[in-house]
C-alpha atoms as a PDB file:
ATOM      1  CA  MET A   1      90.035 109.979  89.969  1.00  0.00           C
ATOM      2  CA  LYS A   2      90.275 109.102  86.327  1.00  0.00           C
ATOM      3  CA  THR A   3      88.731 106.107  84.589  1.00  0.00           C
ATOM      4  CA  VAL A   4      91.066 103.755  82.728  1.00  0.00           C
ATOM      5  CA  ARG A   5      89.549 101.311  80.251  1.00  0.00           C
ATOM      6  CA  ILE A   6      91.277  97.957  80.232  1.00  0.00           C
ATOM      7  CA  PRO A   7      91.217  95.897  77.016  1.00  0.00           C
ATOM      8  CA  PRO A   8      90.471  92.158  77.184  1.00  0.00           C
ATOM      9  CA  THR A   9      94.138  91.261  76.652  1.00  0.00           C
ATOM     10  CA  LEU A  10      95.122  93.026  79.899  1.00  0.00           C
ATOM     11  CA  ARG A  11      92.155  92.141  82.102  1.00  0.00           C
ATOM     12  CA  THR A  12      93.825  89.131  83.678  1.00  0.00           C
ATOM     13  CA  GLU A  13      96.163  91.632  85.371  1.00  0.00           C
ATOM     14  CA  THR A  14      93.231  93.655  86.755  1.00  0.00           C
ATOM     15  CA  GLY A  15      91.178  90.757  88.052  1.00  0.00           C
ATOM     16  CA  GLY A  16      88.923  90.848  85.005  1.00  0.00           C
ATOM     17  CA  GLU A  17      87.941  94.500  85.459  1.00  0.00           C
ATOM     18  CA  ARG A  18      86.982  96.382  82.277  1.00  0.00           C
ATOM     19  CA  GLN A  19      87.512  99.747  83.927  1.00  0.00           C
ATOM     20  CA  VAL A  20      89.593 100.809  86.892  1.00  0.00           C
ATOM     21  CA  HIS A  21      90.248 104.113  88.600  1.00  0.00           C
ATOM     22  CA  ALA A  22      93.666 105.682  88.904  1.00  0.00           C
ATOM     23  CA  ALA A  23      95.065 108.958  90.197  1.00  0.00           C
ATOM     24  CA  GLY A  24      97.504 111.367  88.602  1.00  0.00           C
ATOM     25  CA  GLY A  25      97.710 114.691  86.835  1.00  0.00           C
ATOM     26  CA  THR A  26      99.606 113.336  83.818  1.00  0.00           C
ATOM     27  CA  VAL A  27      99.601 110.109  81.854  1.00  0.00           C
ATOM     28  CA  ARG A  28     102.910 109.189  83.523  1.00  0.00           C
ATOM     29  CA  GLU A  29     101.468 109.659  87.037  1.00  0.00           C
ATOM     30  CA  LEU A  30      98.285 107.837  86.098  1.00  0.00           C
ATOM     31  CA  LEU A  31     100.206 104.852  84.675  1.00  0.00           C
ATOM     32  CA  ASP A  32     102.492 104.811  87.731  1.00  0.00           C
ATOM     33  CA  ASP A  33      99.444 104.634  90.013  1.00  0.00           C
ATOM     34  CA  LEU A  34      97.845 101.970  87.816  1.00  0.00           C
ATOM     35  CA  MET A  35     101.022  99.850  87.760  1.00  0.00           C
ATOM     36  CA  HIS A  36     101.384 100.248  91.521  1.00  0.00           C
ATOM     37  CA  LYS A  37      97.870  98.826  91.959  1.00  0.00           C
ATOM     38  CA  PHE A  38      98.356  96.168  89.267  1.00  0.00           C
ATOM     39  CA  PRO A  39     102.099  95.342  89.047  1.00  0.00           C
ATOM     40  CA  GLY A  40     101.578  92.811  86.256  1.00  0.00           C
ATOM     41  CA  LEU A  41     100.739  95.652  83.877  1.00  0.00           C
ATOM     42  CA  ARG A  42     104.243  97.167  84.044  1.00  0.00           C
ATOM     43  CA  ASN A  43     105.881  94.781  81.560  1.00  0.00           C
ATOM     44  CA  GLN A  44     102.930  95.158  79.227  1.00  0.00           C
ATOM     45  CA  LEU A  45     102.685  98.956  79.191  1.00  0.00           C
ATOM     46  CA  VAL A  46     106.129 100.490  79.535  1.00  0.00           C
ATOM     47  CA  GLU A  47     109.607  99.910  78.179  1.00  0.00           C
ATOM     48  CA  ASP A  48     112.631 101.953  79.324  1.00  0.00           C
ATOM     49  CA  ASP A  49     110.306 104.312  81.252  1.00  0.00           C
ATOM     50  CA  GLU A  50     108.374 105.162  78.078  1.00  0.00           C
ATOM     51  CA  ILE A  51     105.113 103.846  76.677  1.00  0.00           C
ATOM     52  CA  ALA A  52     105.978 100.545  75.015  1.00  0.00           C
ATOM     53  CA  PRO A  53     106.070 100.854  71.217  1.00  0.00           C
ATOM     54  CA  PHE A  54     103.248  98.339  70.797  1.00  0.00           C
ATOM     55  CA  VAL A  55     100.889 100.139  73.210  1.00  0.00           C
ATOM     56  CA  ASN A  56      98.660 103.097  72.410  1.00  0.00           C
ATOM     57  CA  VAL A  57      97.287 105.316  75.154  1.00  0.00           C
ATOM     58  CA  TYR A  58      94.356 107.633  74.488  1.00  0.00           C
ATOM     59  CA  VAL A  59      93.074 110.469  76.672  1.00  0.00           C
ATOM     60  CA  GLU A  60      89.544 111.470  75.722  1.00  0.00           C
ATOM     61  CA  GLY A  61      90.050 109.786  72.347  1.00  0.00           C
ATOM     62  CA  GLU A  62      93.374 111.496  71.516  1.00  0.00           C
ATOM     63  CA  ASP A  63      96.555 109.439  71.096  1.00  0.00           C
ATOM     64  CA  VAL A  64      98.997 110.796  73.694  1.00  0.00           C
ATOM     65  CA  ARG A  65     101.870 110.364  71.225  1.00  0.00           C
ATOM     66  CA  THR A  66     100.353 113.218  69.209  1.00  0.00           C
ATOM     67  CA  LEU A  67      99.975 115.290  72.377  1.00  0.00           C
ATOM     68  CA  ASP A  68     102.624 115.510  75.121  1.00  0.00           C
ATOM     69  CA  GLY A  69     103.290 111.779  75.495  1.00  0.00           C
ATOM     70  CA  LEU A  70     103.640 110.747  79.121  1.00  0.00           C
ATOM     71  CA  ASP A  71     103.407 114.410  80.135  1.00  0.00           C
ATOM     72  CA  THR A  72      99.918 114.746  78.653  1.00  0.00           C
ATOM     73  CA  PRO A  73      97.599 116.217  81.300  1.00  0.00           C
ATOM     74  CA  VAL A  74      94.750 114.054  82.590  1.00  0.00           C
ATOM     75  CA  HIS A  75      91.867 115.784  84.345  1.00  0.00           C
ATOM     76  CA  ASP A  76      89.245 114.460  86.747  1.00  0.00           C
ATOM     77  CA  GLY A  77      86.466 112.856  84.772  1.00  0.00           C
ATOM     78  CA  ASN A  78      88.743 112.003  81.806  1.00  0.00           C
ATOM     79  CA  THR A  79      88.714 108.517  80.353  1.00  0.00           C
ATOM     80  CA  VAL A  80      92.023 106.920  79.431  1.00  0.00           C
ATOM     81  CA  ILE A  81      92.070 103.945  77.082  1.00  0.00           C
ATOM     82  CA  LEU A  82      94.937 101.461  76.934  1.00  0.00           C
ATOM     83  CA  LEU A  83      95.181  99.683  73.619  1.00  0.00           C
ATOM     84  CA  PRO A  84      97.972  97.177  72.982  1.00  0.00           C
ATOM     85  CA  ALA A  85      98.593  96.551  69.299  1.00  0.00           C
ATOM     86  CA  MET A  86      97.063  93.402  67.894  1.00  0.00           C
ATOM     87  CA  ALA A  87      98.847  91.349  65.284  1.00  0.00           C
ATOM     88  CA  GLY A  88      98.501  87.999  63.696  1.00  0.00           C
ATOM     89  CA  GLY A  89      96.168  86.240  61.374  1.00  0.00           C
ATOM     90  CA  ALA A  90      96.691  83.578  58.806  1.00  0.00           C
ATOM     91  CA  PRO A  91      97.248  83.827  55.102  1.00  0.00           C
ATOM     92  CA  THR A  92      94.304  83.045  52.849  1.00  0.00           C
ATOM     93  CA  PRO A  93      94.424  79.360  51.936  1.00  0.00           C
ATOM     94  CA  LEU A  94      95.006  78.639  48.248  1.00  0.00           C
ATOM     95  CA  ALA A  95      92.503  76.524  46.354  1.00  0.00           C
ATOM     96  CA  ALA A  96      95.342  74.646  44.646  1.00  0.00           C
ATOM     97  CA  ALA A  97      99.099  75.045  44.506  1.00  0.00           C
ATOM     98  CA  GLY A  98     100.025  77.980  42.331  1.00  0.00           C
ATOM     99  CA  SER A  99      96.515  79.425  42.121  1.00  0.00           C
ATOM    100  CA  ARG A 100      95.410  82.838  43.281  1.00  0.00           C
ATOM    101  CA  PRO A 101      93.584  83.287  46.582  1.00  0.00           C
ATOM    102  CA  ALA A 102      89.824  83.357  46.275  1.00  0.00           C
ATOM    103  CA  GLU A 103      88.192  86.769  45.991  1.00  0.00           C
ATOM    104  CA  PRO A 104      86.207  87.918  49.000  1.00  0.00           C
ATOM    105  CA  ALA A 105      82.456  87.545  48.583  1.00  0.00           C
ATOM    106  CA  SER A 106      82.041  91.328  48.510  1.00  0.00           C
ATOM    107  CA  ALA A 107      84.366  91.521  45.481  1.00  0.00           C
ATOM    108  CA  ALA A 108      82.641  88.753  43.514  1.00  0.00           C
ATOM    109  CA  ARG A 109      81.370  89.825  40.126  1.00  0.00           C
ATOM    110  CA  SER A 110      77.689  89.705  39.325  1.00  0.00           C
ATOM    111  CA  PRO A 111      76.561  87.297  36.562  1.00  0.00           C
ATOM    112  CA  ARG A 112      76.433  88.644  33.008  1.00  0.00           C
END
């Protein structure tokens, strides 16, 4: 069995588990087994039978897109990490209309 780390954004689909075990000799087989056990993950991990563009999958710290993609081998004892892309945030509020955003504290100049 291989260990799959589940990020907080996907844990509702795994009953809150941070790590689960899955079987398979490749990333594709491993994800198929994982999605069979946790069907709610399918829409969040794959698109058109490929890893969804907003999801990164790592085997032993290596992004599978730089390896063999879904055909990347996964060996017993390997750890696989699922990492959906995070986006969002808010623009820095302006002190007054038309003014520049405030500098971060780390960029503040020291007194002369």
